[in-house]
N, C-alpha and C. Protein backbone atom coordinates (compact mmCIF):
# COMPACT_ATOMS: atom_id res chain seq x y z
N MET A 1 -10.36 -11.66 -4.39
CA MET A 1 -9.48 -10.52 -4.46
C MET A 1 -8.91 -10.25 -3.07
N SER A 2 -7.62 -10.02 -3.02
CA SER A 2 -6.97 -9.78 -1.73
C SER A 2 -7.21 -8.34 -1.27
N PRO A 3 -7.08 -8.10 0.04
CA PRO A 3 -7.21 -6.71 0.52
C PRO A 3 -6.21 -5.77 -0.13
N VAL A 4 -5.02 -6.24 -0.42
CA VAL A 4 -4.00 -5.38 -1.05
C VAL A 4 -4.45 -4.98 -2.46
N GLU A 5 -4.98 -5.93 -3.22
CA GLU A 5 -5.46 -5.62 -4.57
C GLU A 5 -6.64 -4.66 -4.53
N ARG A 6 -7.54 -4.89 -3.58
CA ARG A 6 -8.71 -4.03 -3.43
C ARG A 6 -8.29 -2.60 -3.07
N ARG A 7 -7.38 -2.48 -2.13
CA ARG A 7 -6.93 -1.15 -1.70
C ARG A 7 -6.12 -0.46 -2.80
N SER A 8 -5.37 -1.21 -3.55
CA SER A 8 -4.65 -0.63 -4.70
C SER A 8 -5.65 -0.09 -5.72
N SER A 9 -6.74 -0.80 -5.92
CA SER A 9 -7.78 -0.34 -6.85
C SER A 9 -8.45 0.93 -6.33
N LEU A 10 -8.65 1.02 -5.02
CA LEU A 10 -9.19 2.25 -4.44
C LEU A 10 -8.28 3.44 -4.73
N LEU A 11 -6.99 3.23 -4.52
CA LEU A 11 -6.04 4.31 -4.79
C LEU A 11 -6.04 4.68 -6.27
N ALA A 12 -6.10 3.68 -7.14
CA ALA A 12 -6.10 3.95 -8.58
C ALA A 12 -7.34 4.75 -8.99
N ALA A 13 -8.49 4.41 -8.41
CA ALA A 13 -9.72 5.14 -8.73
C ALA A 13 -9.62 6.59 -8.27
N LEU A 14 -9.04 6.83 -7.12
CA LEU A 14 -8.87 8.20 -6.65
C LEU A 14 -7.85 8.96 -7.49
N PHE A 15 -6.83 8.25 -7.95
CA PHE A 15 -5.77 8.88 -8.74
C PHE A 15 -6.31 9.47 -10.04
N VAL A 16 -7.28 8.82 -10.65
CA VAL A 16 -7.82 9.30 -11.93
C VAL A 16 -9.06 10.17 -11.76
N ALA A 17 -9.52 10.34 -10.53
CA ALA A 17 -10.71 11.17 -10.28
C ALA A 17 -10.37 12.65 -10.41
N PRO A 18 -11.33 13.46 -10.87
CA PRO A 18 -11.10 14.90 -10.94
C PRO A 18 -10.73 15.46 -9.56
N GLY A 19 -9.61 16.14 -9.48
CA GLY A 19 -9.16 16.70 -8.21
C GLY A 19 -8.69 15.67 -7.22
N TYR A 20 -8.53 14.41 -7.66
CA TYR A 20 -8.09 13.30 -6.82
C TYR A 20 -9.06 13.02 -5.66
N ILE A 21 -10.34 13.34 -5.82
CA ILE A 21 -11.30 13.22 -4.73
C ILE A 21 -12.61 12.61 -5.23
N LEU A 22 -13.19 11.73 -4.40
CA LEU A 22 -14.49 11.12 -4.70
C LEU A 22 -15.26 10.92 -3.40
N THR A 23 -16.58 10.90 -3.50
CA THR A 23 -17.37 10.49 -2.35
C THR A 23 -17.24 8.98 -2.21
N VAL A 24 -17.55 8.48 -1.04
CA VAL A 24 -17.47 7.04 -0.80
C VAL A 24 -18.40 6.30 -1.75
N ARG A 25 -19.59 6.80 -1.96
CA ARG A 25 -20.54 6.13 -2.87
C ARG A 25 -20.04 6.12 -4.31
N LYS A 26 -19.50 7.24 -4.76
CA LYS A 26 -18.97 7.28 -6.14
C LYS A 26 -17.75 6.38 -6.27
N LEU A 27 -16.94 6.33 -5.22
CA LEU A 27 -15.78 5.45 -5.23
C LEU A 27 -16.23 3.99 -5.30
N ARG A 28 -17.24 3.62 -4.52
CA ARG A 28 -17.79 2.26 -4.58
C ARG A 28 -18.29 1.95 -5.99
N ASP A 29 -19.03 2.88 -6.57
CA ASP A 29 -19.56 2.67 -7.92
C ASP A 29 -18.45 2.56 -8.96
N GLN A 30 -17.42 3.36 -8.82
CA GLN A 30 -16.28 3.34 -9.75
C GLN A 30 -15.53 2.01 -9.65
N LEU A 31 -15.36 1.52 -8.44
CA LEU A 31 -14.68 0.23 -8.27
C LEU A 31 -15.44 -0.90 -8.95
N GLU A 32 -16.76 -0.86 -8.84
CA GLU A 32 -17.56 -1.91 -9.46
C GLU A 32 -17.56 -1.78 -10.98
N ALA A 33 -17.72 -0.57 -11.49
CA ALA A 33 -17.79 -0.36 -12.94
C ALA A 33 -16.45 -0.59 -13.63
N ALA A 34 -15.38 -0.05 -13.08
CA ALA A 34 -14.08 -0.09 -13.76
C ALA A 34 -13.21 -1.29 -13.38
N HIS A 35 -13.39 -1.79 -12.15
CA HIS A 35 -12.50 -2.84 -11.67
C HIS A 35 -13.22 -4.16 -11.39
N GLY A 36 -14.57 -4.15 -11.47
CA GLY A 36 -15.34 -5.36 -11.19
C GLY A 36 -15.33 -5.77 -9.74
N ILE A 37 -15.12 -4.81 -8.85
CA ILE A 37 -15.06 -5.09 -7.42
C ILE A 37 -16.34 -4.59 -6.77
N ALA A 38 -17.14 -5.52 -6.25
CA ALA A 38 -18.40 -5.16 -5.59
C ALA A 38 -18.18 -5.10 -4.09
N LEU A 39 -18.33 -3.89 -3.52
CA LEU A 39 -18.16 -3.67 -2.08
C LEU A 39 -19.33 -2.87 -1.55
N THR A 40 -19.54 -2.97 -0.24
CA THR A 40 -20.50 -2.08 0.40
C THR A 40 -19.79 -0.77 0.73
N THR A 41 -20.56 0.27 1.00
CA THR A 41 -19.93 1.53 1.39
C THR A 41 -19.17 1.38 2.70
N ASP A 42 -19.65 0.52 3.60
CA ASP A 42 -18.92 0.29 4.86
C ASP A 42 -17.57 -0.38 4.61
N GLN A 43 -17.51 -1.30 3.64
CA GLN A 43 -16.23 -1.91 3.30
C GLN A 43 -15.28 -0.88 2.70
N VAL A 44 -15.80 -0.01 1.85
CA VAL A 44 -14.97 1.06 1.27
C VAL A 44 -14.45 1.96 2.38
N ARG A 45 -15.32 2.34 3.30
CA ARG A 45 -14.89 3.20 4.42
C ARG A 45 -13.81 2.51 5.26
N GLY A 46 -13.96 1.22 5.49
CA GLY A 46 -12.95 0.48 6.25
C GLY A 46 -11.60 0.49 5.57
N ASP A 47 -11.60 0.26 4.26
CA ASP A 47 -10.33 0.30 3.52
C ASP A 47 -9.75 1.71 3.51
N LEU A 48 -10.61 2.71 3.40
CA LEU A 48 -10.12 4.10 3.41
C LEU A 48 -9.52 4.45 4.76
N LEU A 49 -10.11 3.96 5.85
CA LEU A 49 -9.54 4.19 7.19
C LEU A 49 -8.15 3.57 7.28
N TRP A 50 -8.00 2.37 6.74
CA TRP A 50 -6.70 1.70 6.76
C TRP A 50 -5.68 2.50 5.95
N LEU A 51 -6.08 2.92 4.74
CA LEU A 51 -5.19 3.73 3.90
C LEU A 51 -4.88 5.07 4.55
N ASN A 52 -5.85 5.64 5.25
CA ASN A 52 -5.63 6.90 5.98
C ASN A 52 -4.59 6.71 7.08
N SER A 53 -4.63 5.58 7.76
CA SER A 53 -3.66 5.33 8.83
C SER A 53 -2.23 5.26 8.30
N LEU A 54 -2.08 4.99 7.01
CA LEU A 54 -0.76 4.96 6.37
C LEU A 54 -0.42 6.27 5.68
N GLY A 55 -1.35 7.23 5.74
CA GLY A 55 -1.11 8.53 5.11
C GLY A 55 -1.31 8.54 3.61
N MET A 56 -2.05 7.57 3.08
CA MET A 56 -2.22 7.47 1.63
C MET A 56 -3.51 8.11 1.13
N VAL A 57 -4.46 8.34 2.01
CA VAL A 57 -5.67 9.08 1.70
C VAL A 57 -6.01 9.98 2.87
N GLN A 58 -6.79 11.01 2.58
CA GLN A 58 -7.31 11.91 3.61
C GLN A 58 -8.82 11.91 3.52
N ALA A 59 -9.46 11.91 4.69
CA ALA A 59 -10.91 12.04 4.72
C ALA A 59 -11.25 13.50 4.51
N GLY A 60 -12.31 13.75 3.77
CA GLY A 60 -12.75 15.11 3.51
C GLY A 60 -14.18 15.31 3.96
N PRO A 61 -14.70 16.49 3.70
CA PRO A 61 -16.07 16.77 4.10
C PRO A 61 -17.08 15.97 3.26
N GLN A 62 -18.24 15.77 3.83
CA GLN A 62 -19.35 15.13 3.13
C GLN A 62 -19.00 13.74 2.61
N ASP A 63 -18.31 12.94 3.44
CA ASP A 63 -18.02 11.54 3.13
C ASP A 63 -17.18 11.40 1.87
N THR A 64 -16.14 12.24 1.76
CA THR A 64 -15.23 12.16 0.62
C THR A 64 -13.86 11.65 1.05
N ALA A 65 -13.10 11.21 0.08
CA ALA A 65 -11.72 10.80 0.31
C ALA A 65 -10.87 11.37 -0.81
N MET A 66 -9.64 11.75 -0.46
CA MET A 66 -8.70 12.29 -1.43
C MET A 66 -7.37 11.56 -1.29
N ILE A 67 -6.79 11.21 -2.42
CA ILE A 67 -5.49 10.55 -2.41
C ILE A 67 -4.40 11.57 -2.06
N THR A 68 -3.43 11.13 -1.29
CA THR A 68 -2.30 11.99 -0.92
C THR A 68 -1.11 11.68 -1.84
N GLU A 69 -0.04 12.41 -1.64
CA GLU A 69 1.17 12.15 -2.42
C GLU A 69 1.68 10.74 -2.18
N ALA A 70 1.61 10.27 -0.94
CA ALA A 70 2.05 8.90 -0.63
C ALA A 70 1.19 7.88 -1.37
N GLY A 71 -0.09 8.11 -1.47
CA GLY A 71 -0.98 7.22 -2.22
C GLY A 71 -0.68 7.26 -3.70
N GLN A 72 -0.40 8.44 -4.21
CA GLN A 72 -0.05 8.58 -5.62
C GLN A 72 1.24 7.81 -5.92
N ASP A 73 2.18 7.83 -4.98
CA ASP A 73 3.43 7.09 -5.17
C ASP A 73 3.17 5.60 -5.34
N VAL A 74 2.19 5.07 -4.62
CA VAL A 74 1.84 3.65 -4.76
C VAL A 74 1.26 3.39 -6.14
N VAL A 75 0.37 4.26 -6.58
CA VAL A 75 -0.28 4.05 -7.89
C VAL A 75 0.75 4.06 -9.02
N ILE A 76 1.71 4.96 -8.97
CA ILE A 76 2.68 5.04 -10.08
C ILE A 76 3.90 4.15 -9.87
N GLY A 77 3.92 3.38 -8.77
CA GLY A 77 4.97 2.38 -8.58
C GLY A 77 6.22 2.84 -7.86
N ARG A 78 6.20 4.01 -7.26
CA ARG A 78 7.36 4.48 -6.50
C ARG A 78 7.48 3.79 -5.14
N SER A 79 6.34 3.34 -4.62
CA SER A 79 6.32 2.61 -3.34
C SER A 79 5.23 1.57 -3.40
N THR A 80 5.11 0.76 -2.35
CA THR A 80 4.13 -0.31 -2.32
C THR A 80 3.33 -0.27 -1.04
N LEU A 81 2.19 -0.91 -1.08
CA LEU A 81 1.37 -1.09 0.13
C LEU A 81 1.97 -2.20 0.97
N PRO A 82 1.80 -2.17 2.28
CA PRO A 82 2.23 -3.33 3.09
C PRO A 82 1.55 -4.59 2.58
N GLY A 83 2.33 -5.63 2.39
CA GLY A 83 1.81 -6.89 1.87
C GLY A 83 1.87 -7.02 0.37
N GLN A 84 2.23 -5.94 -0.30
CA GLN A 84 2.32 -5.94 -1.77
C GLN A 84 3.74 -6.33 -2.15
N SER A 85 3.86 -7.23 -3.13
CA SER A 85 5.22 -7.63 -3.54
C SER A 85 5.70 -6.84 -4.72
């Protein structure tokens, strides 16, 4: 799986989460259960940092992440991630 596909899956998981927010551990578990992507929490944090640098997610309290409007635009197809065709 490419980094772009993995990060798109992260955004999709946040998009369907209640309040658009999940803890890193729940996000990791959701990726594995729903998308078949097995990652460590450190890998999830690394991808979230990258997405944060693009303004697509925000870090929250207690190791949480929330999707932003820019991230939502990627999920619904209004825009794309760098490297995404």
